[in-house]
Amino acid sequence: MEKENNMAAKERLTMSANIAVTAREVDFVTRFARNWDSLREILGIMRPIKKENGTELKSKSASITLQNGNVGEGEEIPYSLASVTEKTYDKIKLEKYAKAVSVEAVADKGAEAAIQMTDEAFLNELQGNILDRFYTYLKTGTLTSTETTFQMAVAMSIGKVIDKFKKMRRNTTNIVVFVNTLDAYKYLGAAELSVQTAFGINYIQNFMGAQTLILSSEIEEGKVIATPADNIVLYYVDPSNSGFEQLGLEYTVDGETNLIGFHANGDYRHAVGESYALMGLTLFAEYIDAIAVITINSGE
């Protein structure tokens, strides 16, 4: 007669469910980081810059007025007037997000649809939220004019930001232009141009003097926005430095740049699977007066 095995599993034993959840968390933060790497490559910007939680975002305007350089021997050399005006725009801060999937949703749709697809949608919404804020900020650029055609608007947007950077004694060859998707396709028509897609963004490389042309429905029809890639920065708050461990909270980070923290667990009281994200990520353009916002008015 076989003896009954009454020995329970040891405490703190890593179970298969723990491994599955951890792998899901690692996959989420890794994909998030890779997506942002792809965006940085598209825009041509440097690596993310780490900031402390609560750091103020300040937009800048720069100007310099040279004095006469024809100075006589022994005479005092006059100072040229250089000024940088700063204006607080916002603060970089950690933000908290959550989603939940019920057992009924898993039973009805299946685990892949209910969990994996909602994770993907969650990730996309987090990324889209950051981009939406960036587009909103770009629209406040102070280099403005009105042109009659899409082609002239793109050309003048590039010319204005190059001219501004030269006045700041800074060189730039990498200009990023943002246009409305419909405006772009109206202009392109049957032209054989390669529209690429990455990070959920449609873009064209080397277009009319711009290294990158971004096509977005977030840019309203009849508007063209441009800025040098050197003017775009990506700031982040490392969620692993937020002290959540002291609160008994566990977030998985990718271990390198740590753009986001992610945690998944089950809520037995409500029979749902919960997912939490913690991040402080901001895409920003440092000089507001190096952002061109051109209006298209054909006069028709």
Protein backbone atom coordinates (compact mmCIF):
# COMPACT_ATOMS: atom_id res chain seq x y z
CA MET A 1 0.00 0.00 0.00
CA GLU A 2 1.43 3.37 -1.06
CA LYS A 3 2.01 5.96 1.61
CA GLU A 4 0.17 9.23 1.20
CA ASN A 5 2.50 12.15 0.53
CA ASN A 6 1.45 14.89 2.92
CA MET A 7 4.56 17.01 2.50
CA ALA A 8 3.67 20.53 1.35
CA ALA A 9 5.85 22.56 -0.99
CA LYS A 10 8.56 24.47 0.81
CA GLU A 11 8.02 28.13 1.54
CA ARG A 12 9.46 30.68 -0.93
CA LEU A 13 9.64 28.01 -3.62
CA THR A 14 9.61 29.60 -7.08
CA MET A 15 6.56 28.21 -8.84
CA SER A 16 5.86 28.05 -12.59
CA ALA A 17 3.27 30.82 -12.27
CA ASN A 18 5.94 33.13 -10.82
CA ILE A 19 8.25 32.40 -13.75
CA ALA A 20 5.49 33.12 -16.28
CA VAL A 21 4.62 36.46 -14.66
CA THR A 22 8.27 37.51 -14.39
CA ALA A 23 8.90 36.66 -18.05
CA ARG A 24 5.86 38.73 -19.01
CA GLU A 25 7.16 41.70 -17.02
CA VAL A 26 10.64 41.42 -18.54
CA ASP A 27 9.14 41.18 -22.02
CA PHE A 28 7.04 44.30 -21.43
CA VAL A 29 9.87 46.55 -20.21
CA THR A 30 12.28 45.21 -22.84
CA ARG A 31 9.87 45.91 -25.70
CA PHE A 32 9.17 49.36 -24.29
CA ALA A 33 12.91 50.18 -24.20
CA ARG A 34 13.49 48.79 -27.70
CA ASN A 35 10.63 50.83 -29.10
CA TRP A 36 12.12 54.01 -27.70
CA ASP A 37 15.51 53.07 -29.12
CA SER A 38 13.79 52.80 -32.51
CA LEU A 39 12.20 56.22 -32.10
CA ARG A 40 15.54 57.78 -31.15
CA GLU A 41 17.05 56.35 -34.31
CA ILE A 42 14.19 57.73 -36.42
CA LEU A 43 14.52 61.20 -34.90
CA GLY A 44 18.31 61.09 -34.75
CA ILE A 45 18.51 62.06 -31.08
CA MET A 46 20.98 61.07 -28.38
CA ARG A 47 20.49 58.63 -25.51
CA PRO A 48 17.90 59.48 -22.83
CA ILE A 49 19.00 61.87 -20.09
CA LYS A 50 18.25 60.85 -16.52
CA LYS A 51 16.57 63.43 -14.27
CA GLU A 52 15.30 63.53 -10.71
CA ASN A 53 11.58 63.23 -10.06
CA GLY A 54 10.04 66.71 -10.01
CA THR A 55 12.70 68.37 -12.19
CA GLU A 56 11.31 71.43 -13.96
CA LEU A 57 11.17 71.41 -17.74
CA LYS A 58 12.26 74.80 -19.03
CA SER A 59 11.87 75.95 -22.60
CA LYS A 60 14.55 78.38 -23.76
CA SER A 61 14.89 81.28 -26.16
CA ALA A 62 18.40 82.37 -27.15
CA SER A 63 19.76 85.52 -28.79
CA ILE A 64 23.08 87.33 -29.16
CA THR A 65 23.87 90.87 -30.30
CA LEU A 66 27.46 91.40 -31.43
CA GLN A 67 29.14 94.70 -30.64
CA ASN A 68 31.48 96.40 -33.10
CA GLY A 69 34.65 94.35 -33.33
CA ASN A 70 36.66 97.28 -34.71
CA VAL A 71 38.43 98.11 -31.44
CA GLY A 72 41.44 100.39 -31.35
CA GLU A 73 44.76 99.47 -29.79
CA GLY A 74 44.55 99.55 -26.02
CA GLU A 75 40.82 100.32 -26.04
CA GLU A 76 38.35 98.35 -23.96
CA ILE A 77 36.64 95.56 -25.91
CA PRO A 78 32.85 95.87 -25.52
CA TYR A 79 30.87 92.83 -24.47
CA SER A 80 28.43 91.38 -26.94
CA LEU A 81 24.98 90.96 -25.48
CA ALA A 82 24.04 87.30 -25.12
CA SER A 83 20.82 86.23 -23.48
CA VAL A 84 19.00 82.99 -22.82
CA THR A 85 15.46 83.33 -21.52
CA GLU A 86 13.97 80.37 -19.68
CA LYS A 87 10.32 79.63 -19.06
CA THR A 88 9.04 76.75 -16.95
CA TYR A 89 6.82 74.54 -19.08
CA ASP A 90 6.14 71.51 -16.90
CA LYS A 91 7.73 69.06 -14.47
CA ILE A 92 9.19 65.64 -15.12
CA LYS A 93 7.42 63.35 -12.71
CA LEU A 94 6.70 59.69 -12.16
CA GLU A 95 3.24 58.72 -13.29
CA LYS A 96 1.23 55.63 -12.33
CA TYR A 97 -0.94 53.54 -14.62
CA ALA A 98 -2.91 50.30 -14.19
CA LYS A 99 -5.10 47.88 -16.10
CA ALA A 100 -7.01 44.74 -15.12
CA VAL A 101 -8.22 41.66 -16.99
CA SER A 102 -11.01 39.54 -15.52
CA VAL A 103 -11.18 35.74 -15.47
CA GLU A 104 -14.37 36.07 -17.53
CA ALA A 105 -12.40 37.88 -20.26
CA VAL A 106 -9.82 35.08 -20.32
CA ALA A 107 -12.56 32.44 -20.49
CA ASP A 108 -14.39 34.33 -23.24
CA LYS A 109 -11.48 35.55 -25.39
CA GLY A 110 -8.66 33.20 -24.41
CA ALA A 111 -5.46 34.00 -22.53
CA GLU A 112 -3.58 35.32 -25.58
CA ALA A 113 -6.23 37.87 -26.50
CA ALA A 114 -7.15 38.87 -22.98
CA ILE A 115 -3.63 39.18 -21.58
CA GLN A 116 -1.05 39.51 -24.33
CA MET A 117 -3.09 41.73 -26.61
CA THR A 118 -4.16 44.02 -23.77
CA ASP A 119 -0.52 44.25 -22.66
CA GLU A 120 0.34 45.35 -26.20
CA ALA A 121 -2.48 47.90 -26.19
CA PHE A 122 -1.38 49.13 -22.75
CA LEU A 123 2.20 49.59 -23.98
CA ASN A 124 1.05 51.42 -27.12
CA GLU A 125 -1.18 53.77 -25.14
CA LEU A 126 1.66 54.64 -22.75
CA GLN A 127 3.94 55.42 -25.68
CA GLY A 128 1.22 57.34 -27.50
CA ASN A 129 0.54 59.49 -24.45
CA ILE A 130 4.17 60.65 -24.41
CA LEU A 131 4.12 61.45 -28.13
CA ASP A 132 0.81 63.33 -27.84
CA ARG A 133 2.31 65.62 -25.20
CA PHE A 134 5.37 66.18 -27.38
CA TYR A 135 3.22 67.16 -30.36
CA THR A 136 1.23 69.55 -28.15
CA TYR A 137 4.47 71.21 -27.07
CA LEU A 138 5.82 71.44 -30.64
CA LYS A 139 2.73 73.39 -31.67
CA THR A 140 3.83 76.24 -29.36
CA GLY A 141 6.98 76.89 -31.42
CA THR A 142 7.63 80.58 -32.06
CA LEU A 143 9.16 80.51 -35.57
CA THR A 144 5.95 81.10 -37.50
CA SER A 145 4.92 82.07 -41.01
CA THR A 146 2.23 81.39 -43.60
CA GLU A 147 2.92 79.78 -46.97
CA THR A 148 0.67 78.95 -49.92
CA THR A 149 1.70 75.34 -50.65
CA PHE A 150 2.75 72.21 -48.79
CA GLN A 151 6.11 72.23 -50.55
CA MET A 152 6.84 75.85 -49.59
CA ALA A 153 5.72 75.20 -46.00
CA VAL A 154 8.14 72.29 -45.65
CA ALA A 155 10.95 74.27 -47.28
CA MET A 156 10.41 77.34 -45.08
CA SER A 157 10.12 75.28 -41.90
CA ILE A 158 13.54 73.79 -42.63
CA GLY A 159 15.02 77.15 -43.63
CA LYS A 160 13.76 78.90 -40.51
CA VAL A 161 15.23 76.40 -38.04
CA ILE A 162 18.57 76.25 -39.88
CA ASP A 163 18.69 80.06 -39.87
CA LYS A 164 17.88 80.15 -36.15
CA PHE A 165 20.60 77.65 -35.26
CA LYS A 166 23.14 79.59 -37.33
CA LYS A 167 22.25 82.76 -35.43
CA MET A 168 22.91 80.77 -32.25
CA ARG A 169 26.28 79.78 -33.77
CA ARG A 170 25.21 76.16 -33.88
CA ASN A 171 25.31 73.96 -36.95
CA THR A 172 22.71 71.36 -37.75
CA THR A 173 22.17 69.11 -40.74
CA ASN A 174 19.54 66.82 -39.23
CA ILE A 175 16.11 68.44 -39.44
CA VAL A 176 12.95 66.62 -38.37
CA VAL A 177 9.70 67.77 -40.00
CA PHE A 178 6.23 66.84 -38.71
CA VAL A 179 3.24 66.97 -41.07
CA ASN A 180 -0.36 65.85 -41.18
CA THR A 181 -0.77 62.40 -42.74
CA LEU A 182 -3.47 63.50 -45.20
CA ASP A 183 -1.50 66.60 -46.27
CA ALA A 184 1.52 64.42 -46.98
CA TYR A 185 -0.39 61.93 -49.11
CA LYS A 186 -2.19 64.70 -51.01
CA TYR A 187 1.19 66.11 -51.95
CA LEU A 188 2.86 62.78 -52.62
CA GLY A 189 0.06 61.47 -54.83
CA ALA A 190 1.53 58.76 -57.03
CA ALA A 191 5.13 59.63 -56.19
CA GLU A 192 7.29 56.59 -55.58
CA LEU A 193 8.56 57.38 -52.10
CA SER A 194 9.23 54.80 -49.44
CA VAL A 195 7.06 55.37 -46.37
CA GLN A 196 8.54 53.41 -43.48
CA THR A 197 6.90 52.40 -40.22
CA ALA A 198 8.49 51.91 -36.81
CA PHE A 199 7.26 52.54 -33.28
CA GLY A 200 3.81 52.96 -34.83
CA ILE A 201 5.08 56.03 -36.70
CA ASN A 202 5.04 56.52 -40.46
CA TYR A 203 8.02 58.44 -41.77
CA ILE A 204 10.02 59.25 -44.89
CA GLN A 205 13.78 59.72 -44.85
CA ASN A 206 15.67 62.37 -46.83
CA PHE A 207 12.66 64.37 -47.97
CA MET A 208 13.15 67.88 -49.42
CA GLY A 209 16.14 68.63 -47.22
CA ALA A 210 14.72 67.03 -44.07
CA GLN A 211 16.47 63.95 -42.82
CA THR A 212 13.15 62.67 -41.46
CA LEU A 213 9.56 63.57 -42.33
CA ILE A 214 7.10 62.33 -39.68
CA LEU A 215 3.51 61.72 -40.82
CA SER A 216 1.03 62.08 -37.96
CA SER A 217 -2.69 62.65 -37.51
CA GLU A 218 -1.77 64.58 -34.34
CA ILE A 219 -0.53 67.43 -36.55
CA GLU A 220 -3.57 69.26 -37.84
CA GLU A 221 -4.16 69.67 -41.55
CA GLY A 222 -2.55 72.80 -42.96
CA LYS A 223 0.33 72.83 -40.45
CA VAL A 224 3.99 71.92 -40.86
CA ILE A 225 6.33 71.79 -37.86
CA ALA A 226 10.11 71.43 -37.91
CA THR A 227 13.00 71.45 -35.46
CA PRO A 228 16.62 70.25 -35.50
CA ALA A 229 17.21 66.79 -34.05
CA ASP A 230 19.82 68.47 -31.82
CA ASN A 231 16.98 70.38 -30.19
CA ILE A 232 15.05 67.23 -29.19
CA VAL A 233 15.84 65.53 -25.89
CA LEU A 234 14.38 62.53 -24.08
CA TYR A 235 14.31 62.90 -20.30
CA TYR A 236 13.39 60.12 -17.90
CA VAL A 237 13.03 59.41 -14.19
CA ASP A 238 14.43 56.03 -13.20
CA PRO A 239 11.50 54.27 -11.47
CA SER A 240 13.92 51.95 -9.64
CA ASN A 241 15.16 55.00 -7.69
CA SER A 242 11.68 56.00 -6.54
CA GLY A 243 11.84 54.04 -3.29
CA PHE A 244 8.96 51.72 -4.15
CA GLU A 245 10.83 48.79 -2.57
CA GLN A 246 10.49 50.45 0.84
CA LEU A 247 6.73 50.38 0.32
CA GLY A 248 6.76 46.66 -0.41
CA LEU A 249 6.17 47.26 -4.13
CA GLU A 250 7.96 45.30 -6.83
CA TYR A 251 8.42 46.67 -10.35
CA THR A 252 10.50 45.01 -13.04
CA VAL A 253 12.86 47.31 -14.98
CA ASP A 254 15.08 46.46 -17.92
CA GLY A 255 18.27 46.99 -15.90
CA GLU A 256 19.89 49.43 -18.34
CA THR A 257 18.17 52.75 -18.96
CA ASN A 258 15.11 51.88 -16.84
CA LEU A 259 12.55 53.95 -18.72
CA ILE A 260 9.61 52.11 -17.16
CA GLY A 261 8.73 49.83 -14.27
CA PHE A 262 6.11 47.11 -14.77
CA HIS A 263 4.44 44.65 -12.41
CA ALA A 264 1.72 42.04 -12.85
CA ASN A 265 -0.15 40.15 -10.15
CA GLY A 266 -3.49 38.54 -9.39
CA ASP A 267 -6.22 40.14 -7.31
CA TYR A 268 -8.04 37.21 -5.71
CA ARG A 269 -10.71 39.39 -4.12
CA HIS A 270 -11.97 40.51 -7.53
CA ALA A 271 -10.70 37.60 -9.66
CA VAL A 272 -8.75 39.85 -12.02
CA GLY A 273 -5.19 40.00 -13.27
CA GLU A 274 -3.72 43.42 -12.60
CA SER A 275 -0.89 45.21 -14.39
CA TYR A 276 0.85 48.33 -13.15
CA ALA A 277 3.25 50.70 -14.90
CA LEU A 278 5.42 53.39 -13.32
CA MET A 279 7.31 55.86 -15.51
CA GLY A 280 8.48 59.43 -15.86
CA LEU A 281 9.32 59.91 -19.53
CA THR A 282 9.23 63.20 -21.43
CA LEU A 283 10.10 63.99 -25.04
CA PHE A 284 11.00 67.68 -25.22
CA ALA A 285 12.47 70.35 -27.50
CA GLU A 286 14.85 72.56 -25.55
CA TYR A 287 14.70 75.80 -27.57
CA ILE A 288 11.14 76.92 -28.22
CA ASP A 289 12.40 79.52 -30.71
CA ALA A 290 14.04 76.76 -32.77
CA ILE A 291 10.68 75.17 -33.56
CA ALA A 292 9.05 76.35 -36.78
CA VAL A 293 5.27 76.20 -37.08
CA ILE A 294 4.15 77.00 -40.62
CA THR A 295 0.54 77.48 -41.69
CA ILE A 296 -0.55 76.51 -45.20
CA ASN A 297 -3.05 78.94 -46.71
CA SER A 298 -3.57 78.51 -50.43
CA GLY A 299 -5.95 81.48 -50.55
CA GLU A 300 -8.62 79.44 -52.29
